[in-house]
Amino acid sequence: MSNKNAKVAALIDPWRGRDLDARYLAYFDCFNRGLFYEAHEVLEELWLLGTDSIGRRFCAPAKNAAPPGCFSL
């Protein structure tokens, strides 16, 4: 586990075992405490995975979308 991953895990762990996804709860906690970079890092865990803890997909690309990082004109 990288140092970054360990720090993010430490932010998420206290929120596990609750009704909502621990990553969302950790995000709101960091954001409300003004830890905006850390809040971003916590949400990145969800973005990279592509689903939340109960399998709901989000940020799914459109059927004919350009690859990430590309502009479609």
Protein backbone atom coordinates (compact mmCIF):
# COMPACT_ATOMS: atom_id res chain seq x y z
CA MET A 1 0.00 0.00 0.00
CA SER A 2 1.41 3.38 -0.95
CA ASN A 3 1.77 6.21 1.55
CA LYS A 4 -1.06 8.05 -0.23
CA ASN A 5 -3.33 5.00 -0.02
CA ALA A 6 -2.57 4.57 3.67
CA LYS A 7 -3.49 8.19 4.38
CA VAL A 8 -6.73 7.90 2.42
CA ALA A 9 -7.58 4.62 4.17
CA ALA A 10 -7.00 6.30 7.55
CA LEU A 11 -9.53 8.99 6.60
CA ILE A 12 -12.11 6.42 5.48
CA ASP A 13 -11.75 3.73 8.16
CA PRO A 14 -13.56 5.55 11.01
CA TRP A 15 -16.67 5.77 8.82
CA ARG A 16 -16.97 2.07 7.93
CA GLY A 17 -19.97 0.06 9.11
CA ARG A 18 -22.56 2.81 8.73
CA ASP A 19 -25.61 3.08 6.47
CA LEU A 20 -23.83 5.20 3.85
CA ASP A 21 -20.66 4.43 1.95
CA ALA A 22 -17.69 5.26 4.20
CA ARG A 23 -15.99 7.13 1.35
CA TYR A 24 -18.89 9.56 1.05
CA LEU A 25 -18.95 10.12 4.80
CA ALA A 26 -15.18 10.64 4.89
CA TYR A 27 -15.48 13.09 1.98
CA PHE A 28 -18.09 15.19 3.79
CA ASP A 29 -16.06 15.10 7.00
CA CYS A 30 -12.90 16.28 5.23
CA PHE A 31 -14.78 18.93 3.26
CA ASN A 32 -16.52 20.30 6.34
CA ARG A 33 -13.17 20.52 8.14
CA GLY A 34 -11.68 22.45 5.22
CA LEU A 35 -9.45 19.56 4.14
CA PHE A 36 -10.29 20.02 0.48
CA TYR A 37 -7.32 18.14 -0.99
CA GLU A 38 -7.99 15.19 1.30
CA ALA A 39 -11.70 15.31 0.39
CA HIS A 40 -10.74 15.06 -3.27
CA GLU A 41 -8.43 12.13 -2.58
CA VAL A 42 -11.19 10.26 -0.72
CA LEU A 43 -13.65 10.70 -3.59
CA GLU A 44 -10.99 9.62 -6.06
CA GLU A 45 -11.28 6.17 -4.50
CA LEU A 46 -14.86 6.02 -5.84
CA TRP A 47 -14.02 7.59 -9.19
CA LEU A 48 -11.28 5.06 -9.86
CA LEU A 49 -13.49 2.16 -8.85
CA GLY A 50 -16.48 3.39 -10.87
CA THR A 51 -19.10 2.10 -8.41
CA ASP A 52 -20.16 2.77 -4.85
CA SER A 53 -20.25 0.18 -2.07
CA ILE A 54 -23.58 -1.31 -3.18
CA GLY A 55 -22.62 -1.53 -6.84
CA ARG A 56 -24.28 1.58 -8.26
CA ARG A 57 -22.32 2.83 -11.26
CA PHE A 58 -21.66 6.49 -11.75
CA CYS A 59 -19.70 8.57 -14.23
CA ALA A 60 -20.36 5.91 -16.83
CA PRO A 61 -19.29 7.10 -20.27
CA ALA A 62 -21.89 7.67 -22.94
CA LYS A 63 -22.10 4.94 -25.55
CA ASN A 64 -20.14 6.87 -28.20
CA ALA A 65 -18.15 9.13 -25.89
CA ALA A 66 -14.61 10.16 -26.69
CA PRO A 67 -11.92 8.47 -24.58
CA PRO A 68 -11.07 10.27 -21.32
CA GLY A 69 -8.81 13.24 -21.88
CA CYS A 70 -9.98 13.77 -25.45
CA PHE A 71 -12.16 16.53 -26.79
CA SER A 72 -15.10 15.69 -28.99
CA LEU A 73 -16.09 18.39 -31.47
